[in-house]
């Protein structure tokens, strides 16, 4: 059995976000993509973070900056607080979450509503609105 998944699903990583990160599976819902992206931040899976953005936005991603950010924070926990669409039969979805993050010895709460859409059948993270 592998370590607990960083997305705080209470499942082992190898049976939760791990298969998404290796390409063995794809998230079937917007929430699963959200969780797998949180885990990717926690584990510095930069290629996964870039590959789960819309194709038109991937070239705009600064890989080095993203990697540095991942290494500079400790992703403590994730709580999904709301969902709108984003299911197996939907083309778009919204996921509102609270991410507890620690950086420079200080813990903060990142509150965001993220927009997701299907691209070539797979979910991608479009953008997010950060609250407070």
Protein backbone atom coordinates (compact mmCIF):
# COMPACT_ATOMS: atom_id res chain seq x y z
CA UNK A 1 0.00 0.00 0.00
CA UNK A 2 1.31 3.43 -0.88
CA UNK A 3 1.32 6.61 1.18
CA UNK A 4 -1.91 8.58 1.70
CA UNK A 5 -2.83 10.76 -1.25
CA UNK A 6 -1.96 14.45 -0.80
CA UNK A 7 -5.46 15.41 -1.97
CA UNK A 8 -6.72 14.27 1.47
CA UNK A 9 -9.21 11.81 -0.02
CA UNK A 10 -8.13 9.23 2.61
CA UNK A 11 -7.24 6.87 -0.25
CA UNK A 12 -3.73 5.61 -0.96
CA UNK A 13 -1.90 7.71 -3.56
CA UNK A 14 -1.50 4.73 -5.92
CA UNK A 15 -5.30 4.26 -5.96
CA UNK A 16 -6.21 7.94 -6.09
CA UNK A 17 -4.18 10.62 -7.92
CA UNK A 18 -1.16 8.45 -8.74
CA UNK A 19 -2.68 6.82 -11.85
CA UNK A 20 -3.58 10.27 -13.21
CA UNK A 21 -0.03 11.53 -12.68
CA UNK A 22 1.48 8.55 -14.50
CA UNK A 23 -1.01 8.68 -17.37
CA UNK A 24 -2.48 5.27 -16.51
CA UNK A 25 -5.90 6.90 -16.06
CA UNK A 26 -7.63 10.23 -16.69
CA UNK A 27 -9.91 12.05 -14.25
CA UNK A 28 -13.55 11.43 -15.12
CA UNK A 29 -14.85 14.50 -13.26
CA UNK A 30 -13.78 18.08 -12.68
CA UNK A 31 -13.42 17.35 -8.95
CA UNK A 32 -11.02 14.48 -9.65
CA UNK A 33 -8.96 16.76 -11.86
CA UNK A 34 -8.97 19.40 -9.10
CA UNK A 35 -7.78 16.85 -6.56
CA UNK A 36 -5.10 15.50 -8.89
CA UNK A 37 -3.80 19.02 -9.57
CA UNK A 38 -3.58 19.73 -5.83
CA UNK A 39 -1.58 16.52 -5.43
CA UNK A 40 0.58 17.53 -8.39
CA UNK A 41 1.41 20.81 -6.65
CA UNK A 42 2.21 18.88 -3.46
CA UNK A 43 4.49 16.45 -5.30
CA UNK A 44 6.01 18.90 -7.84
CA UNK A 45 4.45 17.13 -10.83
CA UNK A 46 4.99 20.14 -13.10
CA UNK A 47 4.47 18.27 -16.38
CA UNK A 48 1.06 17.10 -15.15
CA UNK A 49 0.08 20.63 -14.11
CA UNK A 50 0.97 21.94 -17.56
CA UNK A 51 -0.68 19.06 -19.42
CA UNK A 52 -3.97 19.64 -17.59
CA UNK A 53 -4.26 23.22 -18.86
CA UNK A 54 -5.99 24.00 -22.18
CA UNK A 55 -3.68 23.34 -25.13
CA UNK A 56 -3.76 27.02 -26.13
CA UNK A 57 -2.48 28.05 -22.67
CA UNK A 58 0.29 25.46 -22.21
CA UNK A 59 2.95 27.49 -24.01
CA UNK A 60 2.27 30.40 -21.62
CA UNK A 61 3.17 28.30 -18.58
CA UNK A 62 6.59 29.09 -17.09
CA UNK A 63 7.84 25.62 -16.18
CA UNK A 64 10.75 26.84 -14.02
CA UNK A 65 8.54 29.28 -12.11
CA UNK A 66 5.90 26.61 -11.55
CA UNK A 67 8.51 24.14 -10.30
CA UNK A 68 9.97 26.74 -7.94
CA UNK A 69 6.51 27.51 -6.56
CA UNK A 70 5.76 23.82 -5.95
CA UNK A 71 9.04 23.41 -4.09
CA UNK A 72 8.44 26.53 -1.99
CA UNK A 73 5.08 25.49 -0.53
CA UNK A 74 3.78 22.64 1.56
CA UNK A 75 0.30 21.63 0.46
CA UNK A 76 -1.24 20.66 3.79
CA UNK A 77 -4.85 19.78 2.99
CA UNK A 78 -7.66 20.18 0.49
CA UNK A 79 -11.36 20.56 1.18
CA UNK A 80 -13.92 20.63 -1.63
CA UNK A 81 -16.71 22.96 -0.52
CA UNK A 82 -18.85 23.15 -3.65
CA UNK A 83 -19.38 21.76 -7.12
CA UNK A 84 -21.48 22.81 -10.09
CA UNK A 85 -21.66 20.40 -13.01
CA UNK A 86 -18.31 18.79 -13.83
CA UNK A 87 -19.68 15.25 -13.88
CA UNK A 88 -18.98 12.40 -16.26
CA UNK A 89 -21.58 13.64 -18.78
CA UNK A 90 -20.83 17.39 -18.48
CA UNK A 91 -18.65 19.57 -20.71
CA UNK A 92 -17.93 22.26 -18.09
CA UNK A 93 -17.75 22.45 -14.33
CA UNK A 94 -16.91 24.58 -11.33
CA UNK A 95 -15.21 23.38 -8.15
CA UNK A 96 -14.85 25.57 -5.08
CA UNK A 97 -12.14 24.51 -2.68
CA UNK A 98 -10.14 25.51 0.37
CA UNK A 99 -6.46 24.58 0.18
CA UNK A 100 -4.37 24.86 3.31
CA UNK A 101 -0.84 25.81 2.27
CA UNK A 102 2.28 26.51 4.27
CA UNK A 103 5.04 28.76 2.94
CA UNK A 104 7.87 30.51 4.74
CA UNK A 105 6.69 29.05 8.05
CA UNK A 106 3.21 30.55 7.70
CA UNK A 107 0.02 28.66 6.99
CA UNK A 108 -2.61 30.27 4.80
CA UNK A 109 -5.94 29.27 3.34
CA UNK A 110 -6.29 29.54 -0.44
CA UNK A 111 -9.98 29.78 -1.40
CA UNK A 112 -10.77 29.45 -5.09
CA UNK A 113 -13.56 28.60 -7.48
CA UNK A 114 -11.94 26.85 -10.43
CA UNK A 115 -13.42 26.53 -13.90
CA UNK A 116 -12.97 23.31 -15.85
CA UNK A 117 -13.86 22.27 -19.37
CA UNK A 118 -13.47 19.25 -21.57
CA UNK A 119 -10.87 19.39 -24.30
CA UNK A 120 -10.69 16.40 -26.65
CA UNK A 121 -12.75 14.48 -24.09
CA UNK A 122 -10.48 15.18 -21.10
CA UNK A 123 -10.94 17.68 -18.31
CA UNK A 124 -8.63 20.70 -18.20
CA UNK A 125 -8.27 23.52 -15.68
CA UNK A 126 -9.34 26.75 -17.42
CA UNK A 127 -8.93 29.37 -14.70
CA UNK A 128 -9.87 30.27 -11.17
CA UNK A 129 -11.28 33.09 -9.10
CA UNK A 130 -9.47 33.50 -5.79
CA UNK A 131 -11.61 34.67 -2.89
CA UNK A 132 -10.37 36.97 -0.13
